[in-house]
Protein backbone atom coordinates (compact mmCIF):
# COMPACT_ATOMS: atom_id res chain seq x y z
CA UNK A 1 -47.88 77.42 84.98
CA UNK A 2 -47.64 74.03 82.84
CA UNK A 3 -45.82 71.28 84.17
CA UNK A 4 -43.07 69.06 82.20
CA UNK A 5 -45.22 65.79 81.96
CA UNK A 6 -47.41 64.79 79.55
CA UNK A 7 -48.32 62.68 76.63
CA UNK A 8 -50.61 63.16 72.96
CA UNK A 9 -50.99 61.40 70.54
CA UNK A 10 -52.60 62.03 67.12
CA UNK A 11 -54.68 60.40 63.92
CA UNK A 12 -54.27 61.32 60.53
CA UNK A 13 -55.15 59.80 57.01
CA UNK A 14 -55.39 59.10 53.34
CA UNK A 15 -56.54 56.59 51.45
CA UNK A 16 -53.39 55.29 51.05
CA UNK A 17 -51.94 54.80 54.00
CA UNK A 18 -52.72 56.69 58.08
CA UNK A 19 -50.07 58.53 60.23
CA UNK A 20 -49.99 57.94 63.81
CA UNK A 21 -47.98 60.46 66.09
CA UNK A 22 -47.26 59.71 70.36
CA UNK A 23 -45.95 61.89 72.35
CA UNK A 24 -44.07 62.05 75.79
CA UNK A 25 -42.21 64.37 78.06
CA UNK A 26 -40.57 64.43 81.14
CA UNK A 27 -38.16 66.73 82.91
CA UNK A 28 -35.21 68.04 81.53
CA UNK A 29 -33.42 71.47 82.31
CA UNK A 30 -33.62 72.44 78.42
CA UNK A 31 -35.46 71.36 75.16
CA UNK A 32 -34.45 68.14 74.48
CA UNK A 33 -36.50 66.47 71.45
CA UNK A 34 -35.76 62.96 70.33
CA UNK A 35 -37.60 61.70 67.08
CA UNK A 36 -38.60 58.53 65.55
CA UNK A 37 -39.50 57.96 62.08
CA UNK A 38 -39.93 55.29 59.06
CA UNK A 39 -36.73 55.81 57.85
CA UNK A 40 -37.58 56.31 54.92
CA UNK A 41 -39.02 59.33 55.69
CA UNK A 42 -35.70 60.48 58.23
CA UNK A 43 -35.04 63.77 56.49
CA UNK A 44 -38.15 64.89 57.89
CA UNK A 45 -37.03 64.96 61.73
CA UNK A 46 -35.38 69.06 61.25
CA UNK A 47 -39.15 70.01 60.19
CA UNK A 48 -41.01 67.51 63.49
CA UNK A 49 -38.48 69.80 65.96
CA UNK A 50 -39.51 72.90 64.69
CA UNK A 51 -43.18 72.17 64.76
CA UNK A 52 -42.73 71.72 68.84
CA UNK A 53 -39.63 73.88 69.64
CA UNK A 54 -42.55 76.49 68.51
CA UNK A 55 -45.12 75.41 70.70
CA UNK A 56 -43.20 73.23 74.05
CA UNK A 57 -39.38 75.25 76.15
CA UNK A 58 -38.38 73.00 78.25
CA UNK A 59 -38.13 69.01 78.52
CA UNK A 60 -37.53 65.92 77.33
CA UNK A 61 -39.03 65.48 74.54
CA UNK A 62 -40.14 61.27 72.92
CA UNK A 63 -42.20 61.75 69.47
CA UNK A 64 -43.06 57.94 67.86
CA UNK A 65 -44.42 58.59 64.11
CA UNK A 66 -45.04 55.77 62.99
CA UNK A 67 -47.70 54.93 59.38
CA UNK A 68 -49.84 51.85 57.64
CA UNK A 69 -50.64 51.37 54.38
CA UNK A 70 -54.35 51.90 53.56
CA UNK A 71 -54.84 51.49 50.21
CA UNK A 72 -52.97 49.01 47.28
CA UNK A 73 -49.72 48.18 48.85
CA UNK A 74 -48.12 46.94 45.79
CA UNK A 75 -48.10 48.57 42.29
CA UNK A 76 -47.35 45.69 39.14
CA UNK A 77 -46.07 47.47 36.40
CA UNK A 78 -45.44 45.42 32.60
CA UNK A 79 -41.88 46.20 31.33
CA UNK A 80 -42.91 47.78 27.73
CA UNK A 81 -40.14 47.52 26.14
CA UNK A 82 -38.86 44.50 27.12
CA UNK A 83 -41.81 42.30 26.69
CA UNK A 84 -41.47 43.74 22.55
CA UNK A 85 -37.78 42.33 22.35
CA UNK A 86 -39.06 38.99 23.77
CA UNK A 87 -41.96 39.19 21.56
CA UNK A 88 -40.19 39.81 18.86
CA UNK A 89 -37.14 36.95 19.05
CA UNK A 90 -39.72 34.57 20.03
CA UNK A 91 -41.21 34.86 17.10
CA UNK A 92 -38.40 34.32 14.89
CA UNK A 93 -37.13 31.48 17.25
CA UNK A 94 -40.68 30.00 16.04
CA UNK A 95 -40.21 30.62 11.88
CA UNK A 96 -35.89 29.50 12.44
CA UNK A 97 -37.14 26.42 13.64
CA UNK A 98 -40.06 25.79 12.07
CA UNK A 99 -42.63 25.42 14.80
CA UNK A 100 -46.33 25.08 13.59
CA UNK A 101 -47.51 25.70 17.57
CA UNK A 102 -48.47 29.54 17.44
CA UNK A 103 -46.49 31.46 20.75
CA UNK A 104 -49.38 33.05 23.08
CA UNK A 105 -48.37 36.27 25.02
CA UNK A 106 -49.14 33.83 28.32
CA UNK A 107 -45.45 32.63 28.02
CA UNK A 108 -43.77 36.73 28.32
CA UNK A 109 -45.26 36.54 32.23
CA UNK A 110 -42.67 34.70 33.08
CA UNK A 111 -39.48 35.95 31.47
CA UNK A 112 -37.63 38.06 33.44
CA UNK A 113 -38.17 41.83 33.84
CA UNK A 114 -41.40 41.84 32.09
CA UNK A 115 -43.13 42.40 34.94
CA UNK A 116 -42.18 44.37 38.50
CA UNK A 117 -43.85 44.47 41.32
CA UNK A 118 -43.24 47.60 43.66
CA UNK A 119 -44.43 48.29 47.12
CA UNK A 120 -46.45 51.65 47.39
CA UNK A 121 -44.47 54.01 49.43
CA UNK A 122 -46.09 57.34 50.13
CA UNK A 123 -43.68 60.11 48.28
CA UNK A 124 -41.99 62.83 51.29
CA UNK A 125 -44.37 65.36 50.32
CA UNK A 126 -47.33 63.72 50.86
CA UNK A 127 -45.94 62.00 54.41
CA UNK A 128 -45.26 65.52 55.59
CA UNK A 129 -49.09 66.69 55.45
CA UNK A 130 -50.45 64.08 57.27
CA UNK A 131 -47.29 64.20 59.76
CA UNK A 132 -48.30 68.04 60.31
CA UNK A 133 -51.86 67.03 61.02
CA UNK A 134 -50.89 63.98 63.46
CA UNK A 135 -48.90 66.23 65.13
CA UNK A 136 -50.76 68.77 65.80
CA UNK A 137 -53.15 67.33 67.03
CA UNK A 138 -51.06 65.21 69.09
CA UNK A 139 -49.56 68.87 70.70
CA UNK A 140 -52.82 70.16 72.04
CA UNK A 141 -54.05 67.20 73.73
CA UNK A 142 -50.21 66.93 74.96
CA UNK A 143 -50.39 71.51 76.14
CA UNK A 144 -53.76 70.43 77.50
CA UNK A 145 -52.55 67.64 80.08
CA UNK A 146 -49.27 69.78 80.88
CA UNK A 147 -51.57 72.28 81.35
CA UNK A 148 -53.93 70.17 83.88
CA UNK A 149 -50.54 68.87 85.92
CA UNK A 150 -49.25 72.61 85.94
CA UNK A 151 -53.30 73.48 87.86
CA UNK A 152 -51.08 70.90 90.47
CA UNK A 153 -48.27 72.23 90.56
CA UNK A 154 -49.16 75.69 91.32
CA UNK A 155 -51.51 74.57 93.84
CA UNK A 156 -49.15 72.58 95.93
CA UNK A 157 -46.70 75.65 95.09
CA UNK A 158 -48.63 77.58 96.56
CA UNK A 159 -49.22 76.08 99.73
CA UNK A 160 -45.31 75.73 100.83
CA UNK A 161 -44.84 79.41 99.60
CA UNK A 162 -47.79 80.23 102.00
CA UNK A 163 -46.21 77.74 104.98
CA UNK A 164 -42.85 80.06 104.22
CA UNK A 165 -43.99 82.64 104.31
CA UNK A 166 -46.10 82.58 107.85
CA UNK A 167 -42.31 80.96 109.05
CA UNK A 168 -40.33 84.62 108.48
CA UNK A 169 -43.48 86.07 110.01
CA UNK A 170 -42.97 84.42 113.19
CA UNK A 171 -39.12 85.10 112.41
CA UNK A 172 -40.44 88.98 112.42
CA UNK A 173 -42.22 88.72 115.46
CA UNK A 174 -39.34 86.61 117.83
CA UNK A 175 -36.96 89.62 116.66
CA UNK A 176 -38.79 92.46 117.70
CA UNK A 177 -39.62 90.72 121.02
CA UNK A 178 -36.14 90.88 121.29
CA UNK A 179 -35.26 93.67 119.89
CA UNK A 180 -38.30 95.52 123.06
CA UNK A 181 -36.53 93.45 125.22
CA UNK A 182 -32.96 94.64 124.18
CA UNK A 183 -34.23 98.22 124.90
CA UNK A 184 -36.02 97.78 128.17
CA UNK A 185 -32.66 96.08 129.33
CA UNK A 186 -31.40 99.59 127.71
CA UNK A 187 -33.73 101.82 129.39
CA UNK A 188 -33.15 100.52 132.68
CA UNK A 189 -29.64 101.31 133.32
CA UNK A 190 -28.77 103.55 135.48
CA UNK A 191 -29.07 107.51 134.18
CA UNK A 192 -25.24 107.18 136.14
CA UNK A 193 -24.20 104.64 133.33
CA UNK A 194 -25.09 105.85 130.63
CA UNK A 195 -22.07 105.53 128.97
CA UNK A 196 -21.78 101.95 129.12
CA UNK A 197 -21.80 99.69 126.30
CA UNK A 198 -24.89 98.07 125.02
CA UNK A 199 -25.54 94.77 122.99
CA UNK A 200 -26.92 95.66 120.07
CA UNK A 201 -29.71 94.21 118.31
CA UNK A 202 -29.91 91.96 115.63
CA UNK A 203 -29.50 93.45 111.60
CA UNK A 204 -31.27 91.58 109.77
CA UNK A 205 -33.74 94.12 107.69
CA UNK A 206 -31.76 93.77 104.45
CA UNK A 207 -32.45 89.62 104.67
CA UNK A 208 -36.29 89.59 105.57
CA UNK A 209 -36.65 92.65 102.92
CA UNK A 210 -35.15 90.60 100.04
CA UNK A 211 -36.77 87.08 101.48
CA UNK A 212 -40.23 88.46 101.67
CA UNK A 213 -39.54 90.30 97.74
CA UNK A 214 -38.59 87.26 96.92
CA UNK A 215 -41.73 85.77 98.31
CA UNK A 216 -43.49 88.33 96.72
CA UNK A 217 -42.28 87.39 93.01
CA UNK A 218 -42.23 83.60 93.35
CA UNK A 219 -46.07 83.81 94.11
CA UNK A 220 -46.65 86.47 91.19
CA UNK A 221 -44.69 83.95 88.42
CA UNK A 222 -47.61 80.79 90.02
CA UNK A 223 -50.35 82.63 88.07
CA UNK A 224 -47.78 83.32 85.13
CA UNK A 225 -49.05 81.78 81.04
CA UNK A 226 -45.70 81.87 80.64
CA UNK A 227 -42.42 79.43 81.45
CA UNK A 228 -41.51 79.97 84.67
CA UNK A 229 -40.07 76.78 85.66
CA UNK A 230 -36.04 78.21 85.42
CA UNK A 231 -37.16 81.59 87.62
CA UNK A 232 -38.64 79.99 90.25
CA UNK A 233 -35.59 77.40 90.31
CA UNK A 234 -33.41 80.30 90.66
CA UNK A 235 -36.12 82.32 93.03
CA UNK A 236 -35.63 78.94 95.18
CA UNK A 237 -31.75 79.70 95.03
CA UNK A 238 -31.82 83.36 96.49
CA UNK A 239 -34.15 82.37 99.19
CA UNK A 240 -32.39 79.61 100.52
CA UNK A 241 -29.03 81.75 100.91
CA UNK A 242 -31.00 84.65 102.28
CA UNK A 243 -32.56 82.58 104.98
CA UNK A 244 -29.13 80.55 105.69
CA UNK A 245 -27.79 83.89 106.47
CA UNK A 246 -30.67 85.10 108.33
CA UNK A 247 -30.04 81.52 110.31
CA UNK A 248 -26.43 82.45 111.35
CA UNK A 249 -27.27 86.28 111.86
CA UNK A 250 -29.85 85.35 114.45
CA UNK A 251 -28.63 83.09 117.06
CA UNK A 252 -31.59 82.27 118.44
CA UNK A 253 -33.72 78.85 119.22
CA UNK A 254 -37.18 79.67 118.17
CA UNK A 255 -35.96 81.55 115.44
CA UNK A 256 -33.07 78.49 114.12
CA UNK A 257 -36.79 76.48 114.01
CA UNK A 258 -38.42 78.17 112.09
CA UNK A 259 -35.53 78.46 109.74
CA UNK A 260 -34.73 74.59 109.45
CA UNK A 261 -39.18 74.24 108.78
CA UNK A 262 -38.26 77.73 106.34
CA UNK A 263 -35.41 75.25 104.21
CA UNK A 264 -38.03 72.22 104.27
CA UNK A 265 -40.41 74.14 102.28
CA UNK A 266 -37.38 75.23 100.24
CA UNK A 267 -36.85 72.34 99.68
CA UNK A 268 -39.91 70.90 98.88
CA UNK A 269 -40.65 74.52 96.19
CA UNK A 270 -37.63 73.20 94.51
CA UNK A 271 -38.21 69.81 93.94
CA UNK A 272 -41.49 70.51 92.55
CA UNK A 273 -40.34 73.71 90.22
CA UNK A 274 -37.90 71.20 88.86
CA UNK A 275 -41.24 69.88 86.89
CA UNK A 276 -42.57 72.89 85.80
CA UNK A 277 -41.62 73.82 82.54
């Protein structure tokens, strides 16, 4: 069993840049993934969502991905063709004006377009590879935390479902007692009044049977390694339905007290089941 809440981070780097991925997950009925990427790499969102969807089945997932350049951040490019044209034009101008002083190549530096400074940005392919590595590491940490939280959830759910089991046993005991009393009263009736109509017993066998079966199923899912959150929520609804019907049919003060306790335990179970993946 795994919880839906957790956190994980992962890093990856090359000689030129590093990538950091952070994952935060919270409760949600379905799998809802929100990705934040550097603007120039937005096209990788579907790739990230696919990788996460393969590992998680439920919960809101916030993904934060950032990168930092660690190598040369800028590159200077010489526009050789333009520099040659400038050089030829400057030499022609020198001959035209019959300048005696020579022209050095340093004059080209300040002319527009000869030198171009560009920011070094990793390619989509390079960035995707490092994102994949950092995301995998973040997922491993996230899953470890969700598993640890899931173990605590399982223990708490077990406590509440065991208390529910105790309540069911008390209800069964009280109903058996009432049935024994009813049968004893019937046996004491005078044989000459055998035709007199006697009160019928409380028939809640179907409700108790279904309730006990749901509890058994619930306990079985607590040790499952598969996502069971939605199933546990469904079982809580079904158990509440049986408990409500049981209370309506029994009409007994002792049973009513146990029904109140059972509903309280079911509410705790339902609240906790909403945290299970």
